[in-house]
Protein backbone atom coordinates (compact mmCIF):
# COMPACT_ATOMS: atom_id res chain seq x y z
CA MET A 1 60.15 44.33 -12.95
CA ASN A 2 57.72 47.07 -11.91
CA LEU A 3 56.14 46.66 -8.19
CA ILE A 4 53.81 44.10 -7.58
CA ARG A 5 50.76 44.10 -5.32
CA ARG A 6 48.54 41.64 -3.55
CA GLY A 7 45.28 40.69 -5.52
CA GLU A 8 41.74 39.88 -4.49
CA TYR A 9 42.16 36.61 -2.49
CA HIS A 10 40.67 35.14 1.19
CA ALA A 11 43.47 33.29 2.98
CA PHE A 12 42.45 30.32 5.16
CA LYS A 13 43.60 27.19 6.52
CA GLY A 14 42.35 23.39 6.05
CA GLY A 15 43.70 20.31 7.48
CA ASP A 16 46.95 22.04 8.63
CA ALA A 17 47.59 23.18 5.31
CA SER A 18 47.44 26.96 3.98
CA PHE A 19 44.91 27.82 0.75
CA LEU A 20 44.08 30.94 -0.97
CA TYR A 21 40.68 31.40 -2.44
CA LEU A 22 41.19 33.73 -5.32
CA VAL A 23 38.23 36.13 -5.76
CA PRO A 24 38.42 36.91 -9.63
CA SER A 25 38.63 33.24 -10.64
CA ALA A 26 37.08 31.62 -7.49
CA ALA A 27 39.77 29.19 -7.52
CA VAL A 28 41.08 27.33 -4.56
CA ILE A 29 44.95 26.79 -4.47
CA ARG A 30 47.06 25.11 -1.81
CA ILE A 31 49.97 27.27 -0.95
CA ASP A 32 53.45 26.46 0.55
CA ASP A 33 55.49 28.32 3.03
CA VAL A 34 57.64 30.50 0.55
CA THR A 35 54.37 31.49 -0.95
CA GLN A 36 52.82 32.16 2.10
CA ALA A 37 56.08 34.13 3.05
CA VAL A 38 55.96 36.12 -0.25
CA LEU A 39 51.94 37.32 0.50
CA ASP A 40 52.71 38.22 3.94
CA SER A 41 55.56 40.61 2.67
CA LEU A 42 53.07 42.20 0.37
CA GLU A 43 50.79 42.89 3.34
CA THR A 44 52.63 46.24 4.32
CA GLY A 45 52.87 47.48 0.72
CA ASP A 46 53.80 47.31 -2.95
CA ARG A 47 57.37 45.45 -3.37
CA SER A 48 59.27 44.51 -6.36
CA PRO A 49 60.36 40.89 -7.25
CA ASN A 50 63.81 41.86 -6.56
CA ASP A 51 63.31 43.36 -3.38
CA LEU A 52 60.98 40.18 -2.14
CA THR A 53 63.68 37.85 -3.30
CA ASP A 54 66.40 39.60 -1.16
CA ALA A 55 64.27 39.98 1.83
CA LEU A 56 63.33 36.35 2.00
CA SER A 57 66.62 34.76 0.58
CA ASP A 58 67.92 34.17 4.17
CA ARG A 59 65.06 31.42 4.45
CA TRP A 60 64.54 30.06 0.93
CA ALA A 61 66.57 29.71 -2.38
CA SER A 62 66.31 32.76 -4.60
CA ASP A 63 65.05 30.10 -7.48
CA ASP A 64 61.96 28.92 -5.00
CA ILE A 65 61.11 32.60 -4.34
CA ARG A 66 60.81 33.73 -7.95
CA SER A 67 59.06 30.39 -8.65
CA SER A 68 56.15 31.32 -6.10
CA ILE A 69 55.95 34.82 -7.08
CA ASP A 70 55.75 33.93 -10.87
CA GLU A 71 52.89 31.46 -10.06
CA LEU A 72 51.25 34.11 -7.96
CA LEU A 73 51.19 36.58 -10.85
CA GLY A 74 50.06 33.86 -13.12
CA LEU A 75 46.73 33.05 -10.92
CA ARG A 76 46.49 36.65 -10.23
CA ALA A 77 46.87 36.39 -6.79
CA VAL A 78 49.49 39.37 -7.35
CA PHE A 79 49.74 41.68 -10.11
CA PRO A 80 52.03 44.51 -11.49
CA VAL A 81 50.87 47.96 -10.02
CA VAL A 82 50.90 49.29 -13.82
CA ALA A 83 48.50 46.86 -14.76
CA PRO A 84 45.59 46.45 -12.31
CA PRO A 85 43.05 43.72 -12.67
CA PRO A 86 40.13 44.89 -15.04
CA LYS A 87 36.92 45.89 -13.25
CA PRO A 88 33.85 43.76 -14.49
CA VAL A 89 31.23 45.38 -16.68
CA ALA A 90 27.57 44.87 -16.27
CA GLU A 91 26.27 43.58 -19.72
CA LYS A 92 23.65 41.09 -20.67
CA PRO A 93 24.91 37.83 -21.13
CA LYS A 94 26.68 36.82 -24.61
CA ARG A 95 23.95 34.49 -25.46
CA ARG A 96 20.40 33.69 -24.32
CA ILE A 97 20.23 31.13 -21.44
CA PRO A 98 18.04 28.61 -22.32
CA LEU A 99 15.04 27.76 -19.34
CA GLN A 100 16.21 24.58 -17.35
CA THR A 101 13.51 25.07 -14.50
CA LEU A 102 9.61 26.22 -14.29
CA VAL A 103 8.17 26.43 -11.34
CA LEU A 104 4.14 26.34 -11.20
CA ASN A 105 2.80 28.23 -8.82
CA VAL A 106 -0.34 26.10 -9.04
CA THR A 107 -2.25 27.63 -6.25
CA SER A 108 -2.05 30.60 -3.98
CA LYS A 109 -4.19 28.95 -1.38
CA CYS A 110 -3.06 27.27 1.50
CA ASN A 111 -4.46 25.04 4.20
CA LEU A 112 -2.10 26.25 6.81
CA SER A 113 -1.80 29.92 8.20
CA CYS A 114 1.90 29.96 8.83
CA GLY A 115 2.75 33.55 10.55
CA TYR A 116 5.76 34.13 8.51
CA CYS A 117 4.04 33.33 4.94
CA TYR A 118 5.49 35.72 2.54
CA GLU A 119 2.15 35.47 0.55
CA TYR A 120 0.96 37.94 2.39
CA GLY A 121 4.34 40.16 3.00
CA GLU A 122 5.39 43.33 2.51
CA ASP A 123 6.24 42.71 -0.99
CA LYS A 124 2.59 41.86 -2.19
CA ILE A 125 0.29 44.45 -3.34
CA VAL A 126 -1.85 45.89 -0.70
CA GLN A 127 -4.90 45.81 -2.92
CA PRO A 128 -6.74 42.01 -3.41
CA SER A 129 -5.29 40.13 -6.32
CA THR A 130 -7.59 39.34 -9.12
CA LYS A 131 -5.75 36.09 -10.14
CA PRO A 132 -7.18 32.98 -9.71
CA ARG A 133 -6.49 30.90 -6.52
CA PHE A 134 -5.96 27.84 -8.23
CA MET A 135 -4.13 27.37 -11.98
CA ASN A 136 -6.41 25.33 -14.11
CA GLU A 137 -5.22 22.43 -16.24
CA ALA A 138 -5.11 24.35 -19.67
CA THR A 139 -2.74 26.90 -18.07
CA ALA A 140 -0.74 24.35 -16.71
CA LYS A 141 -0.37 22.75 -20.05
CA GLN A 142 0.57 25.95 -21.69
CA SER A 143 3.01 26.34 -19.22
CA VAL A 144 4.58 23.05 -20.17
CA ASP A 145 4.52 24.20 -23.99
CA PHE A 146 6.25 27.44 -22.88
CA MET A 147 8.95 25.35 -21.03
CA PHE A 148 9.83 23.58 -23.65
CA ALA A 149 9.92 26.44 -26.22
CA GLU A 150 12.19 28.43 -23.95
CA ALA A 151 14.46 25.16 -23.15
CA GLY A 152 15.78 25.15 -26.97
CA GLU A 153 18.19 22.28 -27.36
CA THR A 154 18.48 21.66 -23.50
CA PRO A 155 18.62 17.84 -23.24
CA ALA A 156 16.79 17.92 -19.78
CA VAL A 157 14.05 20.53 -18.09
CA ASN A 158 12.99 20.75 -14.74
CA LEU A 159 9.08 21.08 -14.01
CA THR A 160 8.63 22.17 -10.35
CA PHE A 161 5.33 22.47 -8.51
CA PHE A 162 4.94 25.04 -6.00
CA GLY A 163 2.02 26.93 -4.00
CA GLY A 164 0.55 27.85 -1.57
CA GLU A 165 0.09 24.17 -0.34
CA THR A 166 0.86 22.53 -3.92
CA LEU A 167 -1.08 19.30 -3.20
CA MET A 168 -4.57 21.61 -2.91
CA ASN A 169 -4.31 21.34 -6.78
CA PHE A 170 -3.47 17.88 -7.25
CA ARG A 171 -5.54 17.38 -10.39
CA THR A 172 -3.70 19.84 -12.17
CA LEU A 173 -0.28 18.49 -11.25
CA LYS A 174 -1.23 15.13 -12.28
CA SER A 175 -2.61 16.52 -15.61
CA ALA A 176 0.54 19.15 -16.25
CA LEU A 177 2.88 16.12 -15.45
CA ALA A 178 1.31 13.75 -17.84
CA TYR A 179 1.40 15.96 -20.51
CA ALA A 180 5.01 17.04 -19.96
CA LYS A 181 6.23 13.62 -19.99
CA GLU A 182 4.34 12.92 -22.87
CA LYS A 183 5.83 15.80 -24.81
CA GLY A 184 9.35 15.07 -23.64
CA ALA A 185 9.21 11.79 -24.77
CA ALA A 186 8.16 13.16 -28.49
CA GLN A 187 11.07 15.50 -28.47
CA GLY A 188 13.68 13.47 -26.92
CA LYS A 189 14.13 15.82 -23.55
CA GLU A 190 14.20 13.97 -20.04
CA VAL A 191 11.58 15.88 -17.87
CA ASN A 192 12.64 15.66 -14.09
CA ALA A 193 9.65 16.90 -11.63
CA SER A 194 9.56 17.91 -8.22
CA LEU A 195 7.56 19.61 -5.65
CA THR A 196 7.25 21.41 -2.11
CA THR A 197 4.71 20.50 0.08
CA ASN A 198 3.71 21.33 3.84
CA ALA A 199 2.82 17.18 4.00
CA THR A 200 -0.44 17.98 5.12
CA LEU A 201 -2.12 16.17 2.05
CA LEU A 202 0.28 13.31 1.56
CA ARG A 203 -2.65 10.65 1.59
CA GLU A 204 -2.04 7.25 -0.12
CA GLU A 205 -3.35 8.19 -3.51
CA VAL A 206 -0.46 11.09 -3.69
CA ILE A 207 2.38 9.01 -2.48
CA ASP A 208 1.30 6.33 -5.01
CA TRP A 209 1.48 9.20 -7.78
CA ILE A 210 4.89 10.63 -6.59
CA VAL A 211 6.54 7.14 -6.21
CA GLU A 212 5.05 5.80 -9.73
CA ASN A 213 6.26 9.17 -11.57
CA ASP A 214 9.70 9.43 -9.76
CA VAL A 215 8.90 12.99 -8.41
CA GLY A 216 11.37 14.77 -6.09
CA VAL A 217 9.93 15.96 -2.88
CA THR A 218 10.82 18.98 -0.49
CA VAL A 219 8.82 18.94 2.99
CA SER A 220 8.66 22.49 4.33
CA ILE A 221 8.70 21.84 8.22
CA ASP A 222 10.36 23.66 11.02
CA GLY A 223 11.43 21.19 13.21
CA ALA A 224 9.71 19.00 16.40
CA ARG A 225 6.53 19.57 17.64
CA GLU A 226 6.92 22.84 19.63
CA GLN A 227 9.29 24.36 16.86
CA GLN A 228 6.78 23.34 14.25
CA ASP A 229 3.77 24.49 15.99
CA LYS A 230 5.04 28.01 16.54
CA HIS A 231 4.22 29.20 13.46
CA ARG A 232 2.93 26.34 11.07
CA LEU A 233 -0.44 26.22 12.20
CA PHE A 234 -4.16 25.60 10.72
CA ALA A 235 -6.54 28.43 10.62
CA ASN A 236 -8.11 27.40 14.00
CA GLY A 237 -4.74 27.84 15.89
CA MET A 238 -4.30 24.01 15.97
CA GLY A 239 -0.68 22.56 15.27
CA SER A 240 0.26 20.53 12.00
CA TYR A 241 2.75 18.71 13.43
CA ASP A 242 1.12 15.55 14.72
CA ILE A 243 -1.05 15.60 11.43
CA ILE A 244 2.05 15.55 8.91
CA VAL A 245 4.62 13.40 10.87
CA PRO A 246 2.77 9.89 10.00
CA ASN A 247 2.14 11.26 6.50
CA ILE A 248 5.97 11.99 5.98
CA LYS A 249 6.95 8.60 7.55
CA GLN A 250 4.70 7.13 4.81
CA LEU A 251 6.41 8.70 2.18
CA LEU A 252 9.96 7.99 3.51
CA ALA A 253 9.12 4.56 3.42
CA ARG A 254 7.76 4.11 0.03
CA HIS A 255 9.63 6.86 -1.80
CA ARG A 256 13.08 5.45 -1.97
CA ARG A 257 14.24 6.48 -5.60
CA ARG A 258 14.89 10.13 -4.83
CA PRO A 259 15.96 11.75 -1.75
CA VAL A 260 13.21 13.43 0.26
CA GLY A 261 14.79 16.57 1.80
CA ALA A 262 13.27 18.99 4.66
CA ARG A 263 13.25 22.73 4.13
CA VAL A 264 13.27 24.70 7.50
CA THR A 265 12.38 28.18 7.58
CA LEU A 266 14.03 29.93 10.61
CA THR A 267 12.59 32.73 12.69
CA GLY A 268 14.01 34.86 15.61
CA GLN A 269 12.28 32.40 17.99
CA ASN A 270 13.28 29.33 16.04
CA LEU A 271 17.12 29.23 15.79
CA ASP A 272 18.39 26.14 17.41
CA VAL A 273 19.53 24.20 14.20
CA VAL A 274 21.31 21.69 15.57
CA SER A 275 18.45 20.12 17.63
CA ILE A 276 16.04 20.73 14.63
CA TYR A 277 18.71 19.23 12.48
CA LYS A 278 19.03 16.05 14.77
CA HIS A 279 15.38 15.55 14.97
CA LEU A 280 14.63 15.80 11.19
CA PHE A 281 17.45 14.01 10.01
CA GLU A 282 18.09 11.06 12.75
CA GLU A 283 14.56 10.93 14.07
CA ILE A 284 12.20 11.52 11.31
CA GLY A 285 14.69 9.82 8.57
CA PHE A 286 14.85 12.78 5.92
CA TRP A 287 17.64 12.23 3.41
CA GLU A 288 18.81 15.77 3.90
CA VAL A 289 17.97 18.98 5.94
CA GLY A 290 18.41 22.83 4.47
CA PHE A 291 17.87 25.84 6.38
CA ALA A 292 16.79 29.46 5.05
CA PRO A 293 16.29 32.30 7.20
CA VAL A 294 12.63 34.03 7.15
CA THR A 295 12.40 36.47 4.59
CA THR A 296 10.55 39.35 5.99
CA SER A 297 10.84 42.97 7.25
CA TRP A 298 12.86 43.56 10.02
CA GLN A 299 10.20 45.26 11.89
CA ARG A 300 8.36 41.99 12.18
CA GLU A 301 8.40 39.99 15.64
CA TYR A 302 9.58 37.00 14.15
CA SER A 303 12.52 38.46 12.15
CA ILE A 304 16.02 37.55 12.86
CA GLN A 305 17.95 40.51 14.37
CA ASP A 306 21.82 40.82 14.85
CA GLU A 307 22.15 38.45 17.69
CA GLY A 308 20.03 36.21 16.01
CA PHE A 309 22.39 35.61 13.13
CA GLN A 310 25.22 35.01 15.54
CA THR A 311 23.32 32.31 16.93
CA LEU A 312 22.47 30.81 13.69
CA LEU A 313 26.37 31.14 12.46
CA SER A 314 27.28 29.13 15.66
CA GLY A 315 24.87 26.60 15.05
CA PHE A 316 25.64 26.04 11.35
CA GLN A 317 29.48 26.01 12.12
CA THR A 318 28.59 23.18 14.69
CA LEU A 319 26.70 21.17 12.13
CA ALA A 320 29.57 21.97 9.72
CA ALA A 321 32.02 20.40 11.96
CA ASP A 322 29.86 17.28 12.33
CA PHE A 323 29.53 16.92 8.78
CA LEU A 324 33.19 17.37 8.29
CA SER A 325 33.59 14.54 10.78
CA ASP A 326 31.43 12.30 8.88
CA ALA A 327 32.77 12.70 5.70
CA LEU A 328 36.17 11.94 7.10
CA ALA A 329 34.85 8.73 8.49
CA GLY A 330 32.95 7.87 5.26
CA LYS A 331 29.37 8.51 6.63
CA ARG A 332 26.83 10.30 5.06
CA HIS A 333 25.56 13.60 6.76
CA GLY A 334 22.51 15.55 5.65
CA PHE A 335 23.13 19.24 6.27
CA SER A 336 22.70 20.60 2.63
CA ASN A 337 23.70 24.15 3.41
CA VAL A 338 27.48 22.66 3.55
CA ARG A 339 27.15 20.24 0.91
CA ASP A 340 25.85 22.65 -1.42
CA THR A 341 28.46 25.45 -1.14
CA LEU A 342 31.22 22.69 -1.25
CA GLU A 343 29.91 21.66 -4.71
CA GLU A 344 29.84 25.50 -5.48
CA LEU A 345 33.38 25.91 -4.43
CA HIS A 346 34.49 22.57 -5.95
CA LYS A 347 33.12 23.55 -9.59
CA GLY A 348 34.52 27.42 -9.23
CA MET A 349 31.21 28.74 -9.04
CA SER A 350 31.61 32.65 -9.73
CA LYS A 351 28.19 34.16 -9.90
CA ALA A 352 27.39 37.68 -11.68
CA TYR A 353 23.77 36.94 -10.37
CA PRO A 354 22.78 35.27 -6.96
CA CYS A 355 20.71 32.82 -8.55
CA GLY A 356 19.10 31.62 -11.70
CA ALA A 357 16.04 33.95 -11.32
CA GLY A 358 15.04 35.40 -14.74
CA MET A 359 17.55 33.38 -16.92
CA GLY A 360 17.55 29.64 -16.55
CA LEU A 361 14.78 29.61 -13.87
CA MET A 362 11.20 31.34 -13.88
CA GLY A 363 8.14 31.11 -12.13
CA VAL A 364 4.52 30.87 -13.37
CA ALA A 365 1.68 32.54 -11.55
CA THR A 366 -2.08 30.83 -11.40
CA ASP A 367 -3.08 32.77 -14.37
CA GLY A 368 -0.10 32.03 -16.59
CA ASP A 369 1.80 35.41 -15.94
CA VAL A 370 5.70 34.48 -16.07
CA ALA A 371 7.88 36.14 -13.16
CA LEU A 372 11.57 36.14 -12.02
CA CYS A 373 11.11 33.23 -9.74
CA HIS A 374 8.32 31.36 -7.71
CA ARG A 375 8.48 33.94 -4.97
CA PHE A 376 7.52 36.62 -7.47
CA ALA A 377 4.85 34.90 -9.00
CA GLY A 378 1.71 37.04 -8.94
CA SER A 379 3.43 40.36 -8.75
CA ASP A 380 2.87 42.61 -11.80
CA SER A 381 5.79 44.41 -11.28
CA HIS A 382 8.02 41.55 -11.41
CA LYS A 383 6.55 40.06 -14.55
CA LEU A 384 8.50 39.18 -17.62
CA GLY A 385 5.54 37.91 -19.79
CA SER A 386 3.36 35.36 -19.86
CA VAL A 387 2.94 31.38 -20.81
CA PHE A 388 0.47 32.46 -23.72
CA ASN A 389 2.65 35.19 -25.23
CA GLY A 390 5.99 34.53 -23.89
CA VAL A 391 8.68 36.35 -22.55
CA ASP A 392 9.35 39.84 -23.36
CA HIS A 393 13.23 39.59 -23.74
CA SER A 394 13.81 43.47 -23.61
CA LEU A 395 12.85 42.91 -20.17
CA GLN A 396 14.68 40.10 -19.40
CA ASP A 397 17.78 41.67 -20.74
CA ASP A 398 17.36 45.30 -18.64
CA PHE A 399 16.70 42.92 -15.74
CA LEU A 400 19.94 41.00 -16.36
CA VAL A 401 22.00 44.66 -17.07
CA ARG A 402 20.70 46.09 -14.10
CA HIS A 403 20.94 43.33 -11.53
CA HIS A 404 24.92 42.46 -12.47
CA ILE A 405 26.87 42.31 -9.56
CA ALA A 406 29.12 45.11 -11.11
CA ASN A 407 26.32 47.67 -10.36
CA LYS A 408 26.27 46.34 -6.83
CA THR A 409 29.12 48.95 -5.36
CA ASP A 410 28.63 47.61 -1.87
CA CYS A 411 29.82 44.01 -3.20
CA SER A 412 32.81 44.90 -5.55
CA THR A 413 35.23 44.83 -2.72
CA CYS A 414 34.05 41.58 -0.98
CA TRP A 415 35.93 38.35 -1.29
CA ALA A 416 32.68 36.15 -0.92
CA ARG A 417 31.13 37.72 -4.11
CA PRO A 418 31.62 34.75 -6.49
CA LEU A 419 29.29 32.96 -4.37
CA CYS A 420 26.76 35.47 -2.88
CA ALA A 421 26.69 38.21 -5.63
CA GLY A 422 24.46 40.23 -3.28
CA GLY A 423 21.58 37.59 -2.10
CA CYS A 424 18.31 37.19 -3.18
CA TYR A 425 16.46 39.38 -4.97
CA HIS A 426 13.31 38.66 -3.00
CA GLU A 427 14.72 39.17 0.43
CA ALA A 428 16.21 42.71 -1.18
CA HIS A 429 12.90 43.96 -2.35
CA THR A 430 11.20 42.94 1.09
CA ARG A 431 14.17 44.50 3.26
CA TYR A 432 14.80 47.41 1.24
CA GLY A 433 12.07 47.48 -1.43
CA SER A 434 14.47 47.22 -4.68
CA THR A 435 15.53 44.21 -5.94
CA VAL A 436 18.75 45.90 -7.04
CA GLU A 437 19.90 46.28 -3.52
CA PRO A 438 22.58 43.92 -1.93
CA ASN A 439 21.31 42.38 1.43
CA LEU A 440 23.79 44.06 3.40
CA HIS A 441 22.20 42.70 6.75
CA TYR A 442 23.52 39.28 5.76
CA CYS A 443 27.36 40.27 4.73
CA ASP A 444 29.01 39.48 7.88
CA TRP A 445 27.08 36.22 8.18
CA ILE A 446 27.71 35.44 4.51
CA ARG A 447 31.55 35.94 4.97
CA SER A 448 31.85 34.10 8.18
CA TRP A 449 29.66 31.14 6.86
CA THR A 450 31.70 31.10 3.49
CA ASN A 451 35.10 30.91 5.47
CA THR A 452 34.00 27.72 7.62
CA CYS A 453 32.94 26.15 4.14
CA LEU A 454 36.18 26.87 2.92
CA GLU A 455 37.91 25.25 6.08
CA VAL A 456 35.60 22.44 5.55
CA TYR A 457 36.80 22.01 1.79
CA GLY A 458 40.42 22.47 2.47
CA THR A 459 40.60 19.97 5.16
CA LEU A 460 38.63 17.54 2.93
CA ALA A 461 40.92 18.17 -0.22
CA GLU A 462 43.89 17.50 2.14
CA ARG A 463 42.49 14.20 4.00
CA ALA A 464 39.64 12.75 2.13
CA PRO A 465 39.61 14.01 -1.71
CA GLU A 466 37.93 11.29 -3.05
CA PHE A 467 34.77 13.03 -1.13
CA LEU A 468 35.25 15.89 -3.30
CA ALA A 469 35.06 13.59 -6.49
CA GLN A 470 31.57 13.19 -6.06
CA PHE A 471 30.94 16.80 -7.55
CA ASP A 472 33.04 16.13 -10.58
CA ARG A 473 29.86 14.68 -12.11
């Protein structure tokens, strides 16, 4: 046989075992000492199977060495030099992906004046917007019609309400969801509803509606009082923590059918993720806590700089270790960032795109314009159509071809690309002025964090495989 060469993989340890993360297939495999020795021997250059067998035969049986080589060839962890793996080609999906999640930006107004809000960030048009600040009920119902039309034969649809502060347009929320449930019942489709809120308006009437309609809730909150009141302020400068915590506790006490999560926006001045997590999960009682770095230009004073990413990584790794410890002990841990990545690893997620924006997910602005996602809702340059006239599928197809990971040359040799695929479009647009650019400022962070998650995954696979079984459904 001709010379063979190592393929694309990332080696890691988990639970005292050795694993490979195979990049092209996104598979995770456990390897034995013989296989490890074969791979180590290829680190210095291409070799033939016969040469490898001769070099390693003083430690292992020749049949075992050849069996390992054959298995690695079958997995494409190594490959014949004469036939290198084909490079991915950017092309639109073979079939149109049905809409699964529609995010209605029911208002662009908010009763808080958060210092980092992307509603007023670098990606927004300088001229005052002519779009209404509130979505009316007719547009919301038309959005529901659009959602069902674009969903095709999909058995379930997800209707998400967003803002601004979503609950400032509570009347439209009620009307839209009632209409969606009625239409879903008529078509035999399940309608799952959710919303994001800053919790300032979680009064009893709203909580009654949430509970009655089984609405999923994500609360935007940045931590304990000092952390929350750093940026999440009312227009008069008053902090919001003391207003929202009683509302949140009332919601948590009554809304038991669906998990209520907290979403934390991290800034350069708010990176103590361990204390934030403990406060929100252990003291407030959220079911899960997820963290996202602020989306902003690097010039902003609250942006996260290089040293900040190291602080962030250290905190994430501490929480990941706690997550693993609790999982091994049969306890629930609410750190959603690691749990979400474990699920993607278990399901072999290999992304051509970083998210579902412009495919299975779209966002609707207050006037009914359809955008890539909720973050681009209201941006005319990222518009795909409208709920009244439908999506321009030629625009959609062009977007998907241009944003395929095969066109991101900086990503082509990165082993973490199956989970990252270049990162958030909105982040890229804000940082680099174009959605097609990969988020290069995140690369080292993403690779380090993905390795941490792989180590957690490998340890669970070795010591508590029953934990991972939850991701099979």
